[in-house]
Amino acid sequence: MFLSSRIVRILASIGLLSLVALAGCVTSAPVQEMSDARQAIAAAEEADAAALAPAVLDEANRYLSQAEQQLRQEDYGLARANAVRAKNRAVEALTTAQAESD
């Protein structure tokens, strides 16, 4: 359990640093960040996070949905930030699901 919460804290820190670093790079669509978020959510779903960490997975999906809407509106800064948030929450859901299934 200690390792899982430590991993989550590290990933959250990385996510915050990513948001700060990405703040200056808002002129292009966040293609990579969107892809990363979708892949992280798919991995969490495959690990049965829908049953083992449903609230966190739902939050990841909400962030991704917001990012998709912002992408359509060409609000790339917010889309990028929400895609990163979605990925981070999906990784947390995955970590929780893996810990619960062990």
PDB file of N, CA and C in Angstrom:
ATOM      1  N   MET A   1       0.827  -1.192   0.000  1.00  0.00           N
ATOM      2  CA  MET A   1       0.000   0.000   0.000  1.00  0.00           C
ATOM      3  C   MET A   1       0.865   1.248   0.000  1.00  0.00           C
ATOM      4  N   PHE A   2       1.965   1.254   0.779  1.00  0.00           N
ATOM      5  CA  PHE A   2       2.858   2.407   0.827  1.00  0.00           C
ATOM      6  C   PHE A   2       3.410   2.706  -0.551  1.00  0.00           C
ATOM      7  N   LEU A   3       3.806   1.681  -1.264  1.00  0.00           N
ATOM      8  CA  LEU A   3       4.377   1.877  -2.591  1.00  0.00           C
ATOM      9  C   LEU A   3       3.355   2.488  -3.533  1.00  0.00           C
ATOM     10  N   SER A   4       2.118   2.043  -3.464  1.00  0.00           N
ATOM     11  CA  SER A   4       1.090   2.572  -4.356  1.00  0.00           C
ATOM     12  C   SER A   4       0.837   4.049  -4.093  1.00  0.00           C
ATOM     13  N   SER A   5       0.714   4.455  -2.837  1.00  0.00           N
ATOM     14  CA  SER A   5       0.463   5.865  -2.553  1.00  0.00           C
ATOM     15  C   SER A   5       1.687   6.701  -2.899  1.00  0.00           C
ATOM     16  N   ARG A   6       2.852   6.145  -2.761  1.00  0.00           N
ATOM     17  CA  ARG A   6       4.068   6.866  -3.131  1.00  0.00           C
ATOM     18  C   ARG A   6       4.126   7.066  -4.644  1.00  0.00           C
ATOM     19  N   ILE A   7       3.767   6.034  -5.401  1.00  0.00           N
ATOM     20  CA  ILE A   7       3.733   6.141  -6.863  1.00  0.00           C
ATOM     21  C   ILE A   7       2.725   7.194  -7.279  1.00  0.00           C
ATOM     22  N   VAL A   8       1.565   7.193  -6.657  1.00  0.00           N
ATOM     23  CA  VAL A   8       0.531   8.168  -6.992  1.00  0.00           C
ATOM     24  C   VAL A   8       1.028   9.579  -6.717  1.00  0.00           C
ATOM     25  N   ARG A   9       1.700   9.795  -5.580  1.00  0.00           N
ATOM     26  CA  ARG A   9       2.235  11.124  -5.266  1.00  0.00           C
ATOM     27  C   ARG A   9       3.288  11.547  -6.275  1.00  0.00           C
ATOM     28  N   ILE A  10       4.143  10.614  -6.674  1.00  0.00           N
ATOM     29  CA  ILE A  10       5.170  10.934  -7.671  1.00  0.00           C
ATOM     30  C   ILE A  10       4.522  11.299  -8.998  1.00  0.00           C
ATOM     31  N   LEU A  11       3.538  10.506  -9.419  1.00  0.00           N
ATOM     32  CA  LEU A  11       2.857  10.793 -10.681  1.00  0.00           C
ATOM     33  C   LEU A  11       2.109  12.125 -10.625  1.00  0.00           C
ATOM     34  N   ALA A  12       1.521  12.425  -9.491  1.00  0.00           N
ATOM     35  CA  ALA A  12       0.834  13.709  -9.348  1.00  0.00           C
ATOM     36  C   ALA A  12       1.826  14.855  -9.454  1.00  0.00           C
ATOM     37  N   SER A  13       2.988  14.699  -8.851  1.00  0.00           N
ATOM     38  CA  SER A  13       4.025  15.730  -8.946  1.00  0.00           C
ATOM     39  C   SER A  13       4.478  15.909 -10.382  1.00  0.00           C
ATOM     40  N   ILE A  14       4.668  14.806 -11.069  1.00  0.00           N
ATOM     41  CA  ILE A  14       5.060  14.873 -12.485  1.00  0.00           C
ATOM     42  C   ILE A  14       3.973  15.580 -13.284  1.00  0.00           C
ATOM     43  N   GLY A  15       2.735  15.266 -12.978  1.00  0.00           N
ATOM     44  CA  GLY A  15       1.619  15.904 -13.676  1.00  0.00           C
ATOM     45  C   GLY A  15       1.598  17.408 -13.469  1.00  0.00           C
ATOM     46  N   LEU A  16       1.817  17.836 -12.237  1.00  0.00           N
ATOM     47  CA  LEU A  16       1.843  19.273 -11.961  1.00  0.00           C
ATOM     48  C   LEU A  16       2.995  19.949 -12.695  1.00  0.00           C
ATOM     49  N   LEU A  17       4.147  19.313 -12.682  1.00  0.00           N
ATOM     50  CA  LEU A  17       5.282  19.868 -13.410  1.00  0.00           C
ATOM     51  C   LEU A  17       5.003  19.918 -14.901  1.00  0.00           C
ATOM     52  N   SER A  18       4.332  18.914 -15.403  1.00  0.00           N
ATOM     53  CA  SER A  18       3.974  18.890 -16.824  1.00  0.00           C
ATOM     54  C   SER A  18       3.042  20.041 -17.164  1.00  0.00           C
ATOM     55  N   LEU A  19       2.074  20.305 -16.288  1.00  0.00           N
ATOM     56  CA  LEU A  19       1.155  21.407 -16.533  1.00  0.00           C
ATOM     57  C   LEU A  19       1.889  22.740 -16.579  1.00  0.00           C
ATOM     58  N   VAL A  20       2.822  22.927 -15.671  1.00  0.00           N
ATOM     59  CA  VAL A  20       3.602  24.160 -15.658  1.00  0.00           C
ATOM     60  C   VAL A  20       4.431  24.275 -16.930  1.00  0.00           C
ATOM     61  N   ALA A  21       5.083  23.190 -17.312  1.00  0.00           N
ATOM     62  CA  ALA A  21       5.914  23.205 -18.517  1.00  0.00           C
ATOM     63  C   ALA A  21       5.082  23.416 -19.769  1.00  0.00           C
ATOM     64  N   LEU A  22       3.877  22.867 -19.776  1.00  0.00           N
ATOM     65  CA  LEU A  22       3.021  22.964 -20.957  1.00  0.00           C
ATOM     66  C   LEU A  22       2.321  24.315 -21.066  1.00  0.00           C
ATOM     67  N   ALA A  23       2.318  25.073 -20.010  1.00  0.00           N
ATOM     68  CA  ALA A  23       1.609  26.350 -20.033  1.00  0.00           C
ATOM     69  C   ALA A  23       2.129  27.264 -21.140  1.00  0.00           C
ATOM     70  N   GLY A  24       3.396  27.176 -21.438  1.00  0.00           N
ATOM     71  CA  GLY A  24       3.960  28.008 -22.485  1.00  0.00           C
ATOM     72  C   GLY A  24       3.811  27.434 -23.877  1.00  0.00           C
ATOM     73  N   CYS A  25       3.334  26.234 -23.996  1.00  0.00           N
ATOM     74  CA  CYS A  25       3.251  25.548 -25.295  1.00  0.00           C
ATOM     75  C   CYS A  25       1.805  25.325 -25.700  1.00  0.00           C
ATOM     76  N   VAL A  26       1.035  26.377 -25.806  1.00  0.00           N
ATOM     77  CA  VAL A  26      -0.393  26.212 -26.033  1.00  0.00           C
ATOM     78  C   VAL A  26      -0.820  26.544 -27.457  1.00  0.00           C
ATOM     79  N   THR A  27       0.119  26.636 -28.380  1.00  0.00           N
ATOM     80  CA  THR A  27      -0.257  27.031 -29.732  1.00  0.00           C
ATOM     81  C   THR A  27      -0.646  25.859 -30.614  1.00  0.00           C
ATOM     82  N   SER A  28      -0.304  24.653 -30.236  1.00  0.00           N
ATOM     83  CA  SER A  28      -0.641  23.502 -31.060  1.00  0.00           C
ATOM     84  C   SER A  28      -1.570  22.561 -30.297  1.00  0.00           C
ATOM     85  N   ALA A  29      -2.298  21.764 -31.062  1.00  0.00           N
ATOM     86  CA  ALA A  29      -3.234  20.808 -30.466  1.00  0.00           C
ATOM     87  C   ALA A  29      -2.473  19.782 -29.624  1.00  0.00           C
ATOM     88  N   PRO A  30      -3.027  19.409 -28.493  1.00  0.00           N
ATOM     89  CA  PRO A  30      -2.362  18.468 -27.584  1.00  0.00           C
ATOM     90  C   PRO A  30      -2.560  17.012 -27.998  1.00  0.00           C
ATOM     91  N   VAL A  31      -2.097  16.681 -29.177  1.00  0.00           N
ATOM     92  CA  VAL A  31      -2.314  15.349 -29.734  1.00  0.00           C
ATOM     93  C   VAL A  31      -1.718  14.264 -28.840  1.00  0.00           C
ATOM     94  N   GLN A  32      -0.468  14.438 -28.425  1.00  0.00           N
ATOM     95  CA  GLN A  32       0.197  13.426 -27.607  1.00  0.00           C
ATOM     96  C   GLN A  32      -0.481  13.275 -26.253  1.00  0.00           C
ATOM     97  N   GLU A  33      -0.843  14.377 -25.646  1.00  0.00           N
ATOM     98  CA  GLU A  33      -1.476  14.328 -24.326  1.00  0.00           C
ATOM     99  C   GLU A  33      -2.836  13.627 -24.397  1.00  0.00           C
ATOM    100  N   MET A  34      -3.580  13.888 -25.465  1.00  0.00           N
ATOM    101  CA  MET A  34      -4.871  13.220 -25.634  1.00  0.00           C
ATOM    102  C   MET A  34      -4.674  11.716 -25.806  1.00  0.00           C
ATOM    103  N   SER A  35      -3.692  11.352 -26.601  1.00  0.00           N
ATOM    104  CA  SER A  35      -3.399   9.937 -26.812  1.00  0.00           C
ATOM    105  C   SER A  35      -2.976   9.266 -25.509  1.00  0.00           C
ATOM    106  N   ASP A  36      -2.104   9.939 -24.761  1.00  0.00           N
ATOM    107  CA  ASP A  36      -1.651   9.391 -23.479  1.00  0.00           C
ATOM    108  C   ASP A  36      -2.827   9.169 -22.533  1.00  0.00           C
ATOM    109  N   ALA A  37      -3.737  10.128 -22.483  1.00  0.00           N
ATOM    110  CA  ALA A  37      -4.901  10.013 -21.604  1.00  0.00           C
ATOM    111  C   ALA A  37      -5.783   8.839 -22.012  1.00  0.00           C
ATOM    112  N   ARG A  38      -6.034   8.714 -23.309  1.00  0.00           N
ATOM    113  CA  ARG A  38      -6.871   7.610 -23.786  1.00  0.00           C
ATOM    114  C   ARG A  38      -6.234   6.256 -23.483  1.00  0.00           C
ATOM    115  N   GLN A  39      -4.933   6.165 -23.676  1.00  0.00           N
ATOM    116  CA  GLN A  39      -4.232   4.901 -23.403  1.00  0.00           C
ATOM    117  C   GLN A  39      -4.249   4.571 -21.915  1.00  0.00           C
ATOM    118  N   ALA A  40      -4.065   5.583 -21.075  1.00  0.00           N
ATOM    119  CA  ALA A  40      -4.085   5.346 -19.625  1.00  0.00           C
ATOM    120  C   ALA A  40      -5.469   4.903 -19.168  1.00  0.00           C
ATOM    121  N   ILE A  41      -6.508   5.514 -19.720  1.00  0.00           N
ATOM    122  CA  ILE A  41      -7.874   5.115 -19.367  1.00  0.00           C
ATOM    123  C   ILE A  41      -8.145   3.692 -19.843  1.00  0.00           C
ATOM    124  N   ALA A  42      -7.713   3.353 -21.036  1.00  0.00           N
ATOM    125  CA  ALA A  42      -7.900   1.986 -21.544  1.00  0.00           C
ATOM    126  C   ALA A  42      -7.189   0.974 -20.654  1.00  0.00           C
ATOM    127  N   ALA A  43      -5.987   1.297 -20.206  1.00  0.00           N
ATOM    128  CA  ALA A  43      -5.246   0.390 -19.327  1.00  0.00           C
ATOM    129  C   ALA A  43      -5.966   0.226 -17.993  1.00  0.00           C
ATOM    130  N   ALA A  44      -6.495   1.317 -17.467  1.00  0.00           N
ATOM    131  CA  ALA A  44      -7.233   1.244 -16.204  1.00  0.00           C
ATOM    132  C   ALA A  44      -8.494   0.405 -16.361  1.00  0.00           C
ATOM    133  N   GLU A  45      -9.186   0.595 -17.469  1.00  0.00           N
ATOM    134  CA  GLU A  45     -10.395  -0.199 -17.719  1.00  0.00           C
ATOM    135  C   GLU A  45     -10.066  -1.676 -17.856  1.00  0.00           C
ATOM    136  N   GLU A  46      -8.956  -1.972 -18.511  1.00  0.00           N
ATOM    137  CA  GLU A  46      -8.540  -3.365 -18.668  1.00  0.00           C
ATOM    138  C   GLU A  46      -8.197  -4.007 -17.322  1.00  0.00           C
ATOM    139  N   ALA A  47      -7.724  -3.196 -16.379  1.00  0.00           N
ATOM    140  CA  ALA A  47      -7.388  -3.688 -15.036  1.00  0.00           C
ATOM    141  C   ALA A  47      -8.611  -3.718 -14.123  1.00  0.00           C
ATOM    142  N   ASP A  48      -9.806  -3.499 -14.679  1.00  0.00           N
ATOM    143  CA  ASP A  48     -11.077  -3.537 -13.956  1.00  0.00           C
ATOM    144  C   ASP A  48     -11.230  -2.389 -12.965  1.00  0.00           C
ATOM    145  N   ALA A  49     -10.663  -1.232 -13.330  1.00  0.00           N
ATOM    146  CA  ALA A  49     -10.797  -0.057 -12.474  1.00  0.00           C
ATOM    147  C   ALA A  49     -12.245   0.410 -12.378  1.00  0.00           C
ATOM    148  N   ALA A  50     -13.070   0.075 -13.349  1.00  0.00           N
ATOM    149  CA  ALA A  50     -14.485   0.458 -13.280  1.00  0.00           C
ATOM    150  C   ALA A  50     -15.157  -0.154 -12.055  1.00  0.00           C
ATOM    151  N   ALA A  51     -14.689  -1.336 -11.651  1.00  0.00           N
ATOM    152  CA  ALA A  51     -15.242  -1.988 -10.464  1.00  0.00           C
ATOM    153  C   ALA A  51     -14.425  -1.678  -9.211  1.00  0.00           C
ATOM    154  N   LEU A  52     -13.106  -1.522  -9.365  1.00  0.00           N
ATOM    155  CA  LEU A  52     -12.223  -1.404  -8.204  1.00  0.00           C
ATOM    156  C   LEU A  52     -11.867   0.035  -7.835  1.00  0.00           C
ATOM    157  N   ALA A  53     -12.014   0.967  -8.768  1.00  0.00           N
ATOM    158  CA  ALA A  53     -11.738   2.387  -8.501  1.00  0.00           C
ATOM    159  C   ALA A  53     -12.667   3.242  -9.371  1.00  0.00           C
ATOM    160  N   PRO A  54     -13.981   3.029  -9.234  1.00  0.00           N
ATOM    161  CA  PRO A  54     -14.913   3.681 -10.159  1.00  0.00           C
ATOM    162  C   PRO A  54     -14.914   5.206 -10.095  1.00  0.00           C
ATOM    163  N   ALA A  55     -14.813   5.785  -8.924  1.00  0.00           N
ATOM    164  CA  ALA A  55     -14.869   7.248  -8.812  1.00  0.00           C
ATOM    165  C   ALA A  55     -13.671   7.899  -9.502  1.00  0.00           C
ATOM    166  N   VAL A  56     -12.509   7.326  -9.318  1.00  0.00           N
ATOM    167  CA  VAL A  56     -11.297   7.890  -9.912  1.00  0.00           C
ATOM    168  C   VAL A  56     -11.339   7.718 -11.433  1.00  0.00           C
ATOM    169  N   LEU A  57     -11.776   6.565 -11.895  1.00  0.00           N
ATOM    170  CA  LEU A  57     -11.883   6.336 -13.339  1.00  0.00           C
ATOM    171  C   LEU A  57     -12.929   7.262 -13.961  1.00  0.00           C
ATOM    172  N   ASP A  58     -14.042   7.470 -13.278  1.00  0.00           N
ATOM    173  CA  ASP A  58     -15.062   8.401 -13.771  1.00  0.00           C
ATOM    174  C   ASP A  58     -14.493   9.815 -13.896  1.00  0.00           C
ATOM    175  N   GLU A  59     -13.694  10.202 -12.916  1.00  0.00           N
ATOM    176  CA  GLU A  59     -13.077  11.528 -12.961  1.00  0.00           C
ATOM    177  C   GLU A  59     -12.134  11.637 -14.161  1.00  0.00           C
ATOM    178  N   ALA A  60     -11.362  10.591 -14.418  1.00  0.00           N
ATOM    179  CA  ALA A  60     -10.466  10.585 -15.582  1.00  0.00           C
ATOM    180  C   ALA A  60     -11.269  10.747 -16.865  1.00  0.00           C
ATOM    181  N   ASN A  61     -12.372  10.037 -16.969  1.00  0.00           N
ATOM    182  CA  ASN A  61     -13.220  10.139 -18.155  1.00  0.00           C
ATOM    183  C   ASN A  61     -13.850  11.521 -18.300  1.00  0.00           C
ATOM    184  N   ARG A  62     -14.225  12.135 -17.184  1.00  0.00           N
ATOM    185  CA  ARG A  62     -14.774  13.496 -17.234  1.00  0.00           C
ATOM    186  C   ARG A  62     -13.719  14.488 -17.730  1.00  0.00           C
ATOM    187  N   TYR A  63     -12.498  14.374 -17.221  1.00  0.00           N
ATOM    188  CA  TYR A  63     -11.424  15.255 -17.687  1.00  0.00           C
ATOM    189  C   TYR A  63     -11.174  15.053 -19.177  1.00  0.00           C
ATOM    190  N   LEU A  64     -11.173  13.813 -19.625  1.00  0.00           N
ATOM    191  CA  LEU A  64     -10.947  13.546 -21.045  1.00  0.00           C
ATOM    192  C   LEU A  64     -12.083  14.129 -21.886  1.00  0.00           C
ATOM    193  N   SER A  65     -13.297  13.977 -21.428  1.00  0.00           N
ATOM    194  CA  SER A  65     -14.444  14.534 -22.147  1.00  0.00           C
ATOM    195  C   SER A  65     -14.329  16.056 -22.253  1.00  0.00           C
ATOM    196  N   GLN A  66     -13.942  16.698 -21.169  1.00  0.00           N
ATOM    197  CA  GLN A  66     -13.742  18.150 -21.189  1.00  0.00           C
ATOM    198  C   GLN A  66     -12.633  18.521 -22.165  1.00  0.00           C
ATOM    199  N   ALA A  67     -11.548  17.761 -22.149  1.00  0.00           N
ATOM    200  CA  ALA A  67     -10.425  18.023 -23.052  1.00  0.00           C
ATOM    201  C   ALA A  67     -10.861  17.885 -24.509  1.00  0.00           C
ATOM    202  N   GLU A  68     -11.669  16.878 -24.802  1.00  0.00           N
ATOM    203  CA  GLU A  68     -12.156  16.688 -26.171  1.00  0.00           C
ATOM    204  C   GLU A  68     -13.015  17.868 -26.621  1.00  0.00           C
ATOM    205  N   GLN A  69     -13.876  18.347 -25.728  1.00  0.00           N
ATOM    206  CA  GLN A  69     -14.716  19.501 -26.052  1.00  0.00           C
ATOM    207  C   GLN A  69     -13.835  20.740 -26.266  1.00  0.00           C
ATOM    208  N   GLN A  70     -12.857  20.943 -25.407  1.00  0.00           N
ATOM    209  CA  GLN A  70     -11.968  22.099 -25.535  1.00  0.00           C
ATOM    210  C   GLN A  70     -11.116  22.009 -26.802  1.00  0.00           C
ATOM    211  N   LEU A  71     -10.753  20.804 -27.175  1.00  0.00           N
ATOM    212  CA  LEU A  71     -10.002  20.601 -28.413  1.00  0.00           C
ATOM    213  C   LEU A  71     -10.848  21.025 -29.617  1.00  0.00           C
ATOM    214  N   ARG A  72     -12.123  20.635 -29.616  1.00  0.00           N
ATOM    215  CA  ARG A  72     -13.020  21.040 -30.702  1.00  0.00           C
ATOM    216  C   ARG A  72     -13.177  22.556 -30.767  1.00  0.00           C
ATOM    217  N   GLN A  73     -13.101  23.206 -29.607  1.00  0.00           N
ATOM    218  CA  GLN A  73     -13.227  24.671 -29.542  1.00  0.00           C
ATOM    219  C   GLN A  73     -11.874  25.366 -29.759  1.00  0.00           C
ATOM    220  N   GLU A  74     -10.854  24.560 -30.026  1.00  0.00           N
ATOM    221  CA  GLU A  74      -9.489  25.054 -30.243  1.00  0.00           C
ATOM    222  C   GLU A  74      -8.929  25.795 -29.029  1.00  0.00           C
ATOM    223  N   ASP A  75      -9.380  25.405 -27.857  1.00  0.00           N
ATOM    224  CA  ASP A  75      -8.837  25.935 -26.603  1.00  0.00           C
ATOM    225  C   ASP A  75      -7.759  24.962 -26.141  1.00  0.00           C
ATOM    226  N   TYR A  76      -6.627  25.006 -26.825  1.00  0.00           N
ATOM    227  CA  TYR A  76      -5.592  23.996 -26.662  1.00  0.00           C
ATOM    228  C   TYR A  76      -4.942  23.993 -25.280  1.00  0.00           C
ATOM    229  N   GLY A  77      -4.828  25.135 -24.665  1.00  0.00           N
ATOM    230  CA  GLY A  77      -4.231  25.185 -23.324  1.00  0.00           C
ATOM    231  C   GLY A  77      -5.040  24.398 -22.315  1.00  0.00           C
ATOM    232  N   LEU A  78      -6.340  24.663 -22.270  1.00  0.00           N
ATOM    233  CA  LEU A  78      -7.204  23.931 -21.339  1.00  0.00           C
ATOM    234  C   LEU A  78      -7.334  22.471 -21.738  1.00  0.00           C
ATOM    235  N   ALA A  79      -7.396  22.209 -23.039  1.00  0.00           N
ATOM    236  CA  ALA A  79      -7.484  20.816 -23.496  1.00  0.00           C
ATOM    237  C   ALA A  79      -6.259  20.036 -23.045  1.00  0.00           C
ATOM    238  N   ARG A  80      -5.099  20.637 -23.192  1.00  0.00           N
ATOM    239  CA  ARG A  80      -3.851  19.980 -22.775  1.00  0.00           C
ATOM    240  C   ARG A  80      -3.864  19.717 -21.263  1.00  0.00           C
ATOM    241  N   ALA A  81      -4.244  20.724 -20.495  1.00  0.00           N
ATOM    242  CA  ALA A  81      -4.264  20.574 -19.032  1.00  0.00           C
ATOM    243  C   ALA A  81      -5.226  19.470 -18.607  1.00  0.00           C
ATOM    244  N   ASN A  82      -6.406  19.426 -19.204  1.00  0.00           N
ATOM    245  CA  ASN A  82      -7.376  18.395 -18.830  1.00  0.00           C
ATOM    246  C   ASN A  82      -6.982  17.017 -19.332  1.00  0.00           C
ATOM    247  N   ALA A  83      -6.301  16.945 -20.449  1.00  0.00           N
ATOM    248  CA  ALA A  83      -5.797  15.651 -20.917  1.00  0.00           C
ATOM    249  C   ALA A  83      -4.752  15.115 -19.950  1.00  0.00           C
ATOM    250  N   VAL A  84      -3.886  15.976 -19.462  1.00  0.00           N
ATOM    251  CA  VAL A  84      -2.874  15.556 -18.479  1.00  0.00           C
ATOM    252  C   VAL A  84      -3.561  15.123 -17.183  1.00  0.00           C
ATOM    253  N   ARG A  85      -4.568  15.875 -16.766  1.00  0.00           N
ATOM    254  CA  ARG A  85      -5.328  15.491 -15.565  1.00  0.00           C
ATOM    255  C   ARG A  85      -5.992  14.134 -15.759  1.00  0.00           C
ATOM    256  N   ALA A  86      -6.570  13.924 -16.930  1.00  0.00           N
ATOM    257  CA  ALA A  86      -7.228  12.646 -17.223  1.00  0.00           C
ATOM    258  C   ALA A  86      -6.231  11.502 -17.136  1.00  0.00           C
ATOM    259  N   LYS A  87      -5.074  11.683 -17.720  1.00  0.00           N
ATOM    260  CA  LYS A  87      -4.048  10.633 -17.672  1.00  0.00           C
ATOM    261  C   LYS A  87      -3.642  10.347 -16.232  1.00  0.00           C
ATOM    262  N   ASN A  88      -3.409  11.396 -15.458  1.00  0.00           N
ATOM    263  CA  ASN A  88      -2.979  11.200 -14.071  1.00  0.00           C
ATOM    264  C   ASN A  88      -4.035  10.475 -13.245  1.00  0.00           C
ATOM    265  N   ARG A  89      -5.287  10.832 -13.425  1.00  0.00           N
ATOM    266  CA  ARG A  89      -6.357  10.152 -12.683  1.00  0.00           C
ATOM    267  C   ARG A  89      -6.504   8.702 -13.152  1.00  0.00           C
ATOM    268  N   ALA A  90      -6.316   8.469 -14.450  1.00  0.00           N
ATOM    269  CA  ALA A  90      -6.394   7.097 -14.964  1.00  0.00           C
ATOM    270  C   ALA A  90      -5.266   6.241 -14.404  1.00  0.00           C
ATOM    271  N   VAL A  91      -4.088   6.815 -14.293  1.00  0.00           N
ATOM    272  CA  VAL A  91      -2.960   6.079 -13.705  1.00  0.00           C
ATOM    273  C   VAL A  91      -3.252   5.772 -12.243  1.00  0.00           C
ATOM    274  N   GLU A  92      -3.856   6.727 -11.544  1.00  0.00           N
ATOM    275  CA  GLU A  92      -4.237   6.474 -10.153  1.00  0.00           C
ATOM    276  C   GLU A  92      -5.273   5.351 -10.067  1.00  0.00           C
ATOM    277  N   ALA A  93      -6.246   5.353 -10.963  1.00  0.00           N
ATOM    278  CA  ALA A  93      -7.253   4.289 -10.987  1.00  0.00           C
ATOM    279  C   ALA A  93      -6.614   2.947 -11.280  1.00  0.00           C
ATOM    280  N   LEU A  94      -5.694   2.935 -12.219  1.00  0.00           N
ATOM    281  CA  LEU A  94      -4.977   1.698 -12.559  1.00  0.00           C
ATOM    282  C   LEU A  94      -4.194   1.172 -11.354  1.00  0.00           C
ATOM    283  N   THR A  95      -3.470   2.062 -10.691  1.00  0.00           N
ATOM    284  CA  THR A  95      -2.683   1.675  -9.525  1.00  0.00           C
ATOM    285  C   THR A  95      -3.581   1.111  -8.416  1.00  0.00           C
ATOM    286  N   THR A  96      -4.702   1.772  -8.197  1.00  0.00           N
ATOM    287  CA  THR A  96      -5.650   1.311  -7.177  1.00  0.00           C
ATOM    288  C   THR A  96      -6.226  -0.047  -7.552  1.00  0.00           C
ATOM    289  N   ALA A  97      -6.606  -0.203  -8.801  1.00  0.00           N
ATOM    290  CA  ALA A  97      -7.172  -1.480  -9.250  1.00  0.00           C
ATOM    291  C   ALA A  97      -6.165  -2.606  -9.113  1.00  0.00           C
ATOM    292  N   GLN A  98      -4.927  -2.346  -9.470  1.00  0.00           N
ATOM    293  CA  GLN A  98      -3.893  -3.364  -9.354  1.00  0.00           C
ATOM    294  C   GLN A  98      -3.638  -3.744  -7.896  1.00  0.00           C
ATOM    295  N   ALA A  99      -3.640  -2.755  -7.023  1.00  0.00           N
ATOM    296  CA  ALA A  99      -3.428  -3.017  -5.596  1.00  0.00           C
ATOM    297  C   ALA A  99      -4.587  -3.819  -5.012  1.00  0.00           C
ATOM    298  N   GLU A 100      -5.805  -3.494  -5.439  1.00  0.00           N
ATOM    299  CA  GLU A 100      -6.993  -4.191  -4.939  1.00  0.00           C
ATOM    300  C   GLU A 100      -7.066  -5.631  -5.436  1.00  0.00           C
ATOM    301  N   SER A 101      -6.558  -5.873  -6.624  1.00  0.00           N
ATOM    302  CA  SER A 101      -6.659  -7.218  -7.189  1.00  0.00           C
ATOM    303  C   SER A 101      -5.554  -8.159  -6.680  1.00  0.00           C
ATOM    304  N   ASP A 102      -4.556  -7.603  -6.020  1.00  0.00           N
ATOM    305  CA  ASP A 102      -3.471  -8.448  -5.476  1.00  0.00           C
ATOM    306  C   ASP A 102      -3.845  -9.101  -4.176  1.00  0.00           C
TER     307      ASP A 102
END
